């Protein structure tokens, strides 16, 4: 239930394993202890509190011998600050005290299998922390801002986890969120919302589809960040400066000037529009399920890519969506994506090529559409990008002019992307705009 307070004298202690100590009781050394007292007791406390904290503590120890929280618990502040590795897995811990953040040398922290409700808000002060294990913390809903040196984060099967705050997904961080089916937001990087609250930008491009009626339609969604499948109402996904929506359909909406049937690539020249800049590119894919394949076969692959290339300027974006809608044998699926273009990255006369790769899905129709400055609803201008991360953010750059837009399984994708895309090339299909 407790450890000696003099443990902080162990100046060479580097690793402490308390795995399975389910009766261990942790308390914060700075916590306020509330007790049931009489009015007379409270008067004593008020009188003593005007002197100092020490006599209050002494009186408390005298008044309640062997009954104090300190007598049956343990404070992490009593551990030596040289400690580099701490395991508290399966210790029946429901709250991690703020004292954890006094362990300034901690590099490895294992909290697997506890019913933790939250982590200390000042976790980022553990500036040496490199590994954090939180698997099976089934009550954990939100992660606070984490230390910038973190290299490995595992939160598998945290079934209540919904939101990550300022997670450093870029760089060398290796993260696993398998089984976290409730996870819908990573601050500044990813946001998944019901379509009824995110359809402002896309409403005018939905053609014959009525989003109000579609919101009551359930879609089987595969999430590659969490390796889960869920049947949910139609959702909008914001990530990497791209907005995507997946919904049942049988044809591409009207308004897509360049289309191909049973093709996976399009080539076009950006047409002129008097005094208007190109602000965005819409891409729509109608796809169907391959016969004989089950949803589990699709979970192992996240190779569903949209590639947008400005051949004139030598720019290329490859987008790998964190989610994908799963069509049924009776109903096809539409993938509609809105790419926000900035900094004159696409202008009149530029040669553009767009292609789609969908692992084991059958692409039935594919179309693209340019969006000009005054065609975009002003009120939704800031809704397209999740946070402040844009398509051309340096974090996504793989080499000069090339960007890989993905926050899930990032390291694996980047390795594959570099191998396959050293000399980017697209199958060329040229189409004239519809009249």
Protein backbone atom coordinates (compact mmCIF):
# COMPACT_ATOMS: atom_id res chain seq x y z
CA UNK A 1 0.00 0.00 0.00
CA UNK A 2 2.90 2.36 0.58
CA UNK A 3 6.68 2.65 0.29
CA UNK A 4 9.18 4.24 2.70
CA UNK A 5 9.45 8.02 2.51
CA UNK A 6 13.23 7.67 2.70
CA UNK A 7 13.31 6.15 -0.79
CA UNK A 8 14.43 9.56 -2.02
CA UNK A 9 17.78 8.77 -0.39
CA UNK A 10 18.41 6.07 -3.02
CA UNK A 11 20.50 8.37 -5.23
CA UNK A 12 21.35 5.68 -7.81
CA UNK A 13 17.88 4.21 -8.30
CA UNK A 14 17.26 4.14 -12.05
CA UNK A 15 14.30 1.75 -12.51
CA UNK A 16 11.33 1.00 -10.28
CA UNK A 17 8.79 -1.70 -11.21
CA UNK A 18 5.56 -1.79 -9.21
CA UNK A 19 3.55 -3.74 -11.79
CA UNK A 20 0.54 -5.52 -10.28
CA UNK A 21 0.67 -3.75 -6.91
CA UNK A 22 -3.11 -3.33 -6.94
CA UNK A 23 -3.28 -2.15 -3.31
CA UNK A 24 -0.81 0.67 -3.81
CA UNK A 25 -2.43 3.97 -2.80
CA UNK A 26 -0.97 7.12 -4.34
CA UNK A 27 -1.55 10.58 -2.96
CA UNK A 28 -0.37 14.04 -3.90
CA UNK A 29 1.93 15.57 -1.29
CA UNK A 30 0.21 18.91 -1.82
CA UNK A 31 -3.35 17.63 -1.65
CA UNK A 32 -5.81 19.11 0.81
CA UNK A 33 -7.31 16.53 3.19
CA UNK A 34 -10.93 17.12 4.12
CA UNK A 35 -12.10 15.54 7.37
CA UNK A 36 -15.36 15.38 9.26
CA UNK A 37 -14.92 17.69 12.24
CA UNK A 38 -16.98 19.45 14.90
CA UNK A 39 -17.21 23.24 15.14
CA UNK A 40 -14.73 23.13 18.00
CA UNK A 41 -12.25 21.22 15.81
CA UNK A 42 -12.64 23.75 13.01
CA UNK A 43 -11.93 26.61 15.42
CA UNK A 44 -8.71 24.85 16.40
CA UNK A 45 -7.74 24.51 12.73
CA UNK A 46 -8.44 28.20 12.05
CA UNK A 47 -6.39 29.24 15.07
CA UNK A 48 -3.46 27.01 14.15
CA UNK A 49 -3.57 28.00 10.50
CA UNK A 50 -2.64 31.56 11.47
CA UNK A 51 0.65 30.24 12.87
CA UNK A 52 2.00 27.88 10.21
CA UNK A 53 1.26 24.66 8.34
CA UNK A 54 3.61 22.59 10.53
CA UNK A 55 1.60 22.76 13.77
CA UNK A 56 -1.60 22.00 11.83
CA UNK A 57 0.05 18.88 10.48
CA UNK A 58 1.34 17.94 13.96
CA UNK A 59 -2.07 18.46 15.50
CA UNK A 60 -3.70 16.44 12.74
CA UNK A 61 -1.28 13.55 13.29
CA UNK A 62 -1.94 13.69 17.04
CA UNK A 63 -5.72 13.91 16.63
CA UNK A 64 -6.01 11.01 14.16
CA UNK A 65 -3.21 8.53 14.95
CA UNK A 66 -2.83 5.77 12.31
CA UNK A 67 -5.86 7.05 10.43
CA UNK A 68 -4.27 9.60 8.13
CA UNK A 69 -4.07 9.21 4.39
CA UNK A 70 -0.30 9.51 4.58
CA UNK A 71 -0.07 6.52 6.92
CA UNK A 72 -1.63 4.19 4.38
CA UNK A 73 -0.44 5.67 1.07
CA UNK A 74 2.56 6.73 -0.90
CA UNK A 75 3.62 9.95 -2.61
CA UNK A 76 5.59 9.89 -5.86
CA UNK A 77 7.41 12.96 -4.55
CA UNK A 78 9.26 10.65 -2.16
CA UNK A 79 10.99 8.93 -5.10
CA UNK A 80 14.49 10.10 -6.04
CA UNK A 81 14.50 12.60 -8.89
CA UNK A 82 17.21 10.57 -10.63
CA UNK A 83 14.64 7.86 -11.44
CA UNK A 84 14.60 7.16 -15.18
CA UNK A 85 12.03 4.34 -15.50
CA UNK A 86 8.79 3.79 -13.59
CA UNK A 87 6.20 1.04 -14.09
CA UNK A 88 2.80 1.38 -12.40
CA UNK A 89 0.92 -0.99 -14.71
CA UNK A 90 -2.09 -2.83 -13.30
CA UNK A 91 -1.86 -0.98 -9.98
CA UNK A 92 -5.56 -0.09 -9.83
CA UNK A 93 -4.67 3.61 -10.07
CA UNK A 94 -7.60 5.90 -10.88
CA UNK A 95 -5.78 9.20 -10.54
CA UNK A 96 -2.15 10.05 -11.26
CA UNK A 97 -0.98 12.66 -8.72
CA UNK A 98 0.69 15.88 -9.85
CA UNK A 99 3.75 14.70 -7.94
CA UNK A 100 4.58 12.56 -10.96
CA UNK A 101 5.86 15.67 -12.69
CA UNK A 102 8.55 16.18 -10.04
CA UNK A 103 10.41 13.18 -11.49
CA UNK A 104 12.37 15.37 -13.88
CA UNK A 105 14.70 12.58 -15.13
CA UNK A 106 11.90 10.16 -16.07
CA UNK A 107 12.33 8.72 -19.57
CA UNK A 108 9.99 5.71 -19.42
CA UNK A 109 6.53 5.60 -17.83
CA UNK A 110 4.23 2.56 -17.89
CA UNK A 111 0.62 3.11 -16.77
CA UNK A 112 -0.94 0.17 -18.64
CA UNK A 113 -4.14 -1.40 -17.32
CA UNK A 114 -5.24 1.28 -14.87
CA UNK A 115 -8.66 2.94 -14.60
CA UNK A 116 -7.14 6.41 -15.02
CA UNK A 117 -9.62 9.22 -15.58
CA UNK A 118 -7.02 11.81 -16.57
CA UNK A 119 -3.31 12.58 -16.56
CA UNK A 120 -1.74 15.55 -14.75
CA UNK A 121 -2.21 18.75 -16.80
CA UNK A 122 1.49 19.58 -16.46
CA UNK A 123 2.71 16.35 -18.10
CA UNK A 124 4.68 18.44 -20.59
CA UNK A 125 7.07 19.37 -17.75
CA UNK A 126 8.50 15.82 -17.92
CA UNK A 127 10.97 17.12 -20.47
CA UNK A 128 13.05 13.92 -20.55
CA UNK A 129 10.11 11.54 -21.12
CA UNK A 130 10.54 9.44 -24.27
CA UNK A 131 8.12 6.52 -23.76
CA UNK A 132 4.56 6.66 -22.39
CA UNK A 133 2.43 3.49 -22.23
CA UNK A 134 -1.29 3.86 -21.50
CA UNK A 135 -2.81 0.70 -23.02
CA UNK A 136 -6.18 -0.46 -21.63
CA UNK A 137 -6.82 2.75 -19.67
CA UNK A 138 -10.50 2.33 -20.43
CA UNK A 139 -11.71 5.43 -18.55
CA UNK A 140 -9.23 7.87 -20.05
CA UNK A 141 -11.02 10.43 -22.27
CA UNK A 142 -8.48 13.19 -22.99
CA UNK A 143 -4.70 13.41 -23.19
CA UNK A 144 -3.12 16.70 -22.11
CA UNK A 145 -0.20 18.35 -23.88
CA UNK A 146 2.69 15.91 -23.80
CA UNK A 147 6.47 16.43 -23.59
CA UNK A 148 8.17 17.46 -26.85
CA UNK A 149 10.84 14.73 -26.54
CA UNK A 150 8.27 11.94 -26.56
CA UNK A 151 9.25 9.27 -29.09
CA UNK A 152 6.82 6.46 -28.29
CA UNK A 153 3.20 6.70 -27.23
CA UNK A 154 0.96 3.65 -26.91
CA UNK A 155 -2.69 4.03 -25.96
CA UNK A 156 -4.17 0.84 -27.38
CA UNK A 157 -7.72 -0.10 -26.36
CA UNK A 158 -8.36 3.13 -24.46
CA UNK A 159 -12.01 2.75 -25.38
CA UNK A 160 -13.14 6.09 -23.90
CA UNK A 161 -10.38 8.20 -25.45
CA UNK A 162 -11.90 11.01 -27.56
CA UNK A 163 -9.41 13.85 -27.80
CA UNK A 164 -5.66 14.40 -27.94
CA UNK A 165 -4.25 17.81 -27.06
CA UNK A 166 -1.26 19.19 -28.98
CA UNK A 167 0.10 15.75 -29.72
CA UNK A 168 3.52 15.95 -31.45
CA UNK A 169 2.57 13.48 -34.19
CA UNK A 170 5.26 14.74 -36.52
CA UNK A 171 8.94 13.94 -36.44
CA UNK A 172 10.00 10.64 -34.94
CA UNK A 173 7.02 9.96 -32.65
CA UNK A 174 5.76 6.39 -32.89
CA UNK A 175 2.17 6.17 -31.74
CA UNK A 176 -0.44 3.42 -31.51
CA UNK A 177 -4.16 3.97 -30.88
CA UNK A 178 -5.58 0.60 -31.88
CA UNK A 179 -9.06 -0.03 -30.54
CA UNK A 180 -9.70 3.63 -29.56
CA UNK A 181 -12.95 3.75 -31.52
CA UNK A 182 -14.14 6.97 -29.83
CA UNK A 183 -11.09 9.00 -30.91
CA UNK A 184 -12.30 11.82 -33.18
CA UNK A 185 -9.99 14.77 -32.51
CA UNK A 186 -6.28 15.50 -32.44
CA UNK A 187 -5.88 19.20 -31.75
CA UNK A 188 -4.65 21.14 -34.82
CA UNK A 189 -4.31 17.93 -36.85
CA UNK A 190 -7.52 15.92 -37.10
CA UNK A 191 -11.21 16.47 -36.47
CA UNK A 192 -14.10 14.14 -37.30
CA UNK A 193 -17.57 15.64 -36.97
CA UNK A 194 -21.11 14.69 -37.97
CA UNK A 195 -21.87 16.08 -41.43
CA UNK A 196 -24.73 18.24 -40.13
CA UNK A 197 -22.13 20.49 -38.44
CA UNK A 198 -19.50 20.40 -41.19
CA UNK A 199 -21.38 20.52 -44.48
CA UNK A 200 -21.24 24.30 -45.11
CA UNK A 201 -18.25 24.09 -47.45
CA UNK A 202 -19.45 21.09 -49.41
CA UNK A 203 -23.21 21.72 -49.64
CA UNK A 204 -23.11 23.47 -53.00
CA UNK A 205 -21.06 20.64 -54.52
CA UNK A 206 -23.38 17.82 -53.51
CA UNK A 207 -25.58 18.18 -56.58
CA UNK A 208 -28.75 16.10 -56.25
CA UNK A 209 -27.90 14.91 -52.73
CA UNK A 210 -29.75 16.30 -49.75
CA UNK A 211 -27.38 16.39 -46.78
CA UNK A 212 -30.22 16.79 -44.29
CA UNK A 213 -31.66 13.43 -45.32
CA UNK A 214 -28.22 11.84 -45.59
CA UNK A 215 -27.30 12.70 -41.98
CA UNK A 216 -29.72 10.01 -40.83
CA UNK A 217 -27.97 7.44 -43.03
CA UNK A 218 -25.45 5.17 -41.34
CA UNK A 219 -22.15 4.41 -43.05
CA UNK A 220 -19.65 1.68 -42.15
CA UNK A 221 -16.38 3.57 -41.61
CA UNK A 222 -12.87 2.13 -41.42
CA UNK A 223 -10.48 4.17 -39.26
CA UNK A 224 -6.80 3.46 -39.92
CA UNK A 225 -5.54 5.49 -36.98
CA UNK A 226 -7.43 3.26 -34.53
CA UNK A 227 -7.72 0.10 -36.67
CA UNK A 228 -11.45 -0.03 -35.95
CA UNK A 229 -14.71 -0.12 -37.88
CA UNK A 230 -17.89 1.65 -36.79
CA UNK A 231 -21.31 2.17 -38.27
CA UNK A 232 -22.00 5.89 -37.81
CA UNK A 233 -24.03 8.72 -39.39
CA UNK A 234 -22.30 10.45 -42.31
CA UNK A 235 -19.23 12.32 -41.03
CA UNK A 236 -16.89 15.04 -42.25
CA UNK A 237 -13.16 14.58 -41.76
CA UNK A 238 -10.78 17.56 -41.47
CA UNK A 239 -7.06 16.81 -41.68
CA UNK A 240 -3.89 18.08 -43.39
CA UNK A 241 -5.77 20.99 -44.96
CA UNK A 242 -8.24 18.61 -46.63
CA UNK A 243 -11.95 18.08 -45.96
CA UNK A 244 -13.44 14.68 -46.88
CA UNK A 245 -16.86 13.11 -46.65
CA UNK A 246 -17.96 9.55 -47.43
CA UNK A 247 -21.58 8.76 -48.24
CA UNK A 248 -23.67 6.29 -50.23
CA UNK A 249 -24.26 7.24 -53.86
CA UNK A 250 -24.69 6.02 -57.42
CA UNK A 251 -23.21 8.90 -59.43
CA UNK A 252 -20.83 11.84 -59.14
CA UNK A 253 -22.67 15.12 -58.35
CA UNK A 254 -23.22 17.62 -61.15
CA UNK A 255 -20.65 20.36 -61.58
CA UNK A 256 -17.50 18.29 -61.95
CA UNK A 257 -16.09 19.56 -65.24
CA UNK A 258 -13.58 16.75 -65.77
CA UNK A 259 -14.73 13.16 -65.32
CA UNK A 260 -13.79 9.66 -66.39
CA UNK A 261 -15.65 6.38 -66.17
CA UNK A 262 -13.67 3.37 -64.91
CA UNK A 263 -10.51 5.48 -64.95
CA UNK A 264 -8.27 6.42 -62.05
CA UNK A 265 -6.50 9.53 -63.39
CA UNK A 266 -7.29 12.86 -65.05
CA UNK A 267 -5.15 15.50 -66.73
CA UNK A 268 -6.31 19.08 -67.35
CA UNK A 269 -5.19 22.67 -67.83
CA UNK A 270 -6.54 25.13 -65.27
CA UNK A 271 -8.97 27.32 -67.18
CA UNK A 272 -9.19 31.08 -66.78
CA UNK A 273 -11.77 32.88 -64.70
CA UNK A 274 -11.73 36.72 -64.90
CA UNK A 275 -10.23 38.34 -61.79
CA UNK A 276 -10.71 35.21 -59.65
CA UNK A 277 -8.03 33.09 -58.03
CA UNK A 278 -8.23 29.31 -57.77
CA UNK A 279 -8.86 28.62 -54.09
CA UNK A 280 -9.57 24.91 -53.98
CA UNK A 281 -9.83 21.65 -55.88
CA UNK A 282 -12.71 19.20 -55.41
CA UNK A 283 -12.14 15.51 -56.11
CA UNK A 284 -14.95 12.94 -56.20
CA UNK A 285 -14.60 9.16 -56.49
CA UNK A 286 -17.43 6.66 -56.91
CA UNK A 287 -16.26 3.22 -55.87
CA UNK A 288 -17.64 -0.24 -55.13
CA UNK A 289 -16.63 -3.29 -53.14
CA UNK A 290 -14.64 -6.05 -54.80
CA UNK A 291 -16.63 -9.31 -54.79
CA UNK A 292 -15.60 -11.86 -52.18
CA UNK A 293 -13.76 -9.50 -49.83
CA UNK A 294 -14.80 -8.78 -46.23
CA UNK A 295 -14.28 -5.63 -44.20
CA UNK A 296 -11.42 -7.25 -42.25
CA UNK A 297 -9.47 -7.55 -45.51
CA UNK A 298 -9.54 -3.76 -45.85
CA UNK A 299 -8.45 -3.06 -42.28
CA UNK A 300 -4.89 -4.20 -42.94
CA UNK A 301 -4.32 -1.68 -45.75
CA UNK A 302 -4.47 2.09 -45.71
CA UNK A 303 -3.45 2.54 -49.34
CA UNK A 304 -6.32 4.78 -50.37
CA UNK A 305 -4.62 7.76 -51.96
CA UNK A 306 -5.54 10.89 -53.90
CA UNK A 307 -2.58 12.46 -55.75
CA UNK A 308 -2.74 16.06 -56.91
CA UNK A 309 0.12 17.31 -59.06
CA UNK A 310 0.80 20.74 -60.53
CA UNK A 311 3.18 19.73 -63.30
CA UNK A 312 3.86 23.33 -64.31
CA UNK A 313 5.12 24.38 -60.88
CA UNK A 314 6.62 21.04 -59.87
CA UNK A 315 4.29 20.56 -56.88
CA UNK A 316 2.67 17.34 -55.72
CA UNK A 317 0.40 16.41 -52.81
CA UNK A 318 -0.45 12.80 -51.92
CA UNK A 319 -3.34 12.49 -49.48
CA UNK A 320 -4.02 9.34 -47.44
CA UNK A 321 -7.33 9.66 -45.61
CA UNK A 322 -7.45 8.47 -42.01
CA UNK A 323 -10.93 7.04 -42.67
CA UNK A 324 -12.70 5.45 -45.62
CA UNK A 325 -16.34 4.51 -46.13
CA UNK A 326 -17.04 0.84 -46.78
CA UNK A 327 -19.52 0.18 -49.60
CA UNK A 328 -21.96 -2.71 -49.51
CA UNK A 329 -22.80 -5.24 -52.19
CA UNK A 330 -25.99 -3.31 -52.92
CA UNK A 331 -24.78 0.27 -52.49
CA UNK A 332 -21.72 2.10 -53.85
CA UNK A 333 -19.80 4.78 -51.97
CA UNK A 334 -18.80 8.38 -52.82
CA UNK A 335 -15.55 9.89 -51.55
CA UNK A 336 -15.73 13.67 -51.91
CA UNK A 337 -12.61 15.68 -50.95
CA UNK A 338 -11.99 19.41 -50.88
CA UNK A 339 -8.32 20.49 -51.19
CA UNK A 340 -7.73 24.07 -50.10
CA UNK A 341 -5.14 25.73 -52.35
CA UNK A 342 -3.12 28.74 -51.21
CA UNK A 343 -0.13 30.91 -52.12
CA UNK A 344 -0.93 30.76 -55.85
CA UNK A 345 0.00 27.06 -55.91
CA UNK A 346 -2.52 26.53 -58.71
CA UNK A 347 -3.11 29.25 -61.32
CA UNK A 348 -4.56 29.81 -64.77
CA UNK A 349 -2.70 27.81 -67.42
CA UNK A 350 -1.11 25.33 -65.01
CA UNK A 351 -1.08 21.68 -66.08
CA UNK A 352 -2.62 19.56 -63.33
CA UNK A 353 -2.95 15.81 -62.93
CA UNK A 354 -5.06 14.03 -60.34
CA UNK A 355 -5.13 10.29 -59.75
CA UNK A 356 -6.68 7.89 -57.25
CA UNK A 357 -5.46 4.61 -55.76
CA UNK A 358 -7.89 2.51 -53.71
CA UNK A 359 -6.70 -0.83 -52.42
CA UNK A 360 -9.10 -3.60 -53.52
CA UNK A 361 -11.94 -1.16 -54.23
CA UNK A 362 -13.37 -0.89 -57.73
CA UNK A 363 -13.30 2.70 -59.01
CA UNK A 364 -16.39 3.26 -61.16
CA UNK A 365 -16.26 7.01 -61.78
CA UNK A 366 -13.84 9.81 -60.98
CA UNK A 367 -14.09 13.60 -61.36
CA UNK A 368 -12.40 16.88 -60.45
CA UNK A 369 -13.61 20.47 -60.14
CA UNK A 370 -11.79 23.80 -59.68
CA UNK A 371 -13.20 26.19 -57.07
CA UNK A 372 -12.68 29.91 -57.56
CA UNK A 373 -12.34 32.60 -54.91
CA UNK A 374 -15.86 34.08 -54.94
CA UNK A 375 -17.57 30.70 -55.22
CA UNK A 376 -16.59 29.72 -51.69
CA UNK A 377 -18.99 30.62 -48.85
CA UNK A 378 -17.09 33.24 -46.77
CA UNK A 379 -18.41 31.94 -43.43
CA UNK A 380 -16.84 28.53 -43.98
CA UNK A 381 -13.42 29.75 -45.03
CA UNK A 382 -11.76 28.66 -41.79
CA UNK A 383 -13.59 25.35 -41.49
CA UNK A 384 -11.65 23.42 -44.08
CA UNK A 385 -8.32 23.20 -42.31
CA UNK A 386 -8.09 21.31 -39.02
CA UNK A 387 -6.27 23.82 -36.83
CA UNK A 388 -3.52 25.83 -38.51
CA UNK A 389 -1.89 23.00 -40.46
CA UNK A 390 -2.17 23.48 -44.23
CA UNK A 391 -1.51 21.15 -47.16
CA UNK A 392 1.91 22.69 -47.73
CA UNK A 393 3.08 22.72 -44.12
CA UNK A 394 6.76 21.82 -43.78
CA UNK A 395 5.81 18.87 -41.55
CA UNK A 396 4.28 17.14 -44.56
CA UNK A 397 7.13 17.82 -46.97
CA UNK A 398 9.02 14.72 -48.09
CA UNK A 399 11.30 16.55 -50.49
CA UNK A 400 11.21 19.85 -52.35
CA UNK A 401 7.73 20.44 -53.77
CA UNK A 402 6.34 17.09 -52.65
CA UNK A 403 4.01 16.60 -49.68
CA UNK A 404 2.59 13.47 -48.09
CA UNK A 405 -0.63 14.41 -46.31
CA UNK A 406 -1.17 11.89 -43.54
CA UNK A 407 -1.14 11.82 -39.74
CA UNK A 408 -1.77 8.10 -39.25
CA UNK A 409 0.97 5.49 -39.63
CA UNK A 410 3.03 8.39 -40.84
CA UNK A 411 6.48 6.83 -40.66
CA UNK A 412 5.45 3.68 -42.56
CA UNK A 413 3.69 5.67 -45.25
CA UNK A 414 6.59 8.05 -45.72
CA UNK A 415 9.01 5.17 -46.24
CA UNK A 416 6.74 3.56 -48.82
CA UNK A 417 5.99 6.91 -50.41
CA UNK A 418 9.66 7.75 -50.92
CA UNK A 419 10.36 4.37 -52.48
CA UNK A 420 7.45 4.53 -54.90
CA UNK A 421 7.42 8.24 -55.72
CA UNK A 422 11.05 9.18 -56.45
CA UNK A 423 9.95 10.04 -59.98
CA UNK A 424 6.21 10.76 -59.69
CA UNK A 425 4.22 9.79 -62.77
CA UNK A 426 0.52 9.49 -63.40
CA UNK A 427 -1.42 7.59 -66.04
CA UNK A 428 -2.43 10.29 -68.49
CA UNK A 429 -6.08 10.76 -69.32
CA UNK A 430 -7.10 14.02 -70.95
CA UNK A 431 -10.70 15.15 -71.00
CA UNK A 432 -12.44 18.28 -72.12
CA UNK A 433 -14.80 20.00 -69.70
CA UNK A 434 -18.49 19.12 -69.93
CA UNK A 435 -20.67 21.60 -71.78
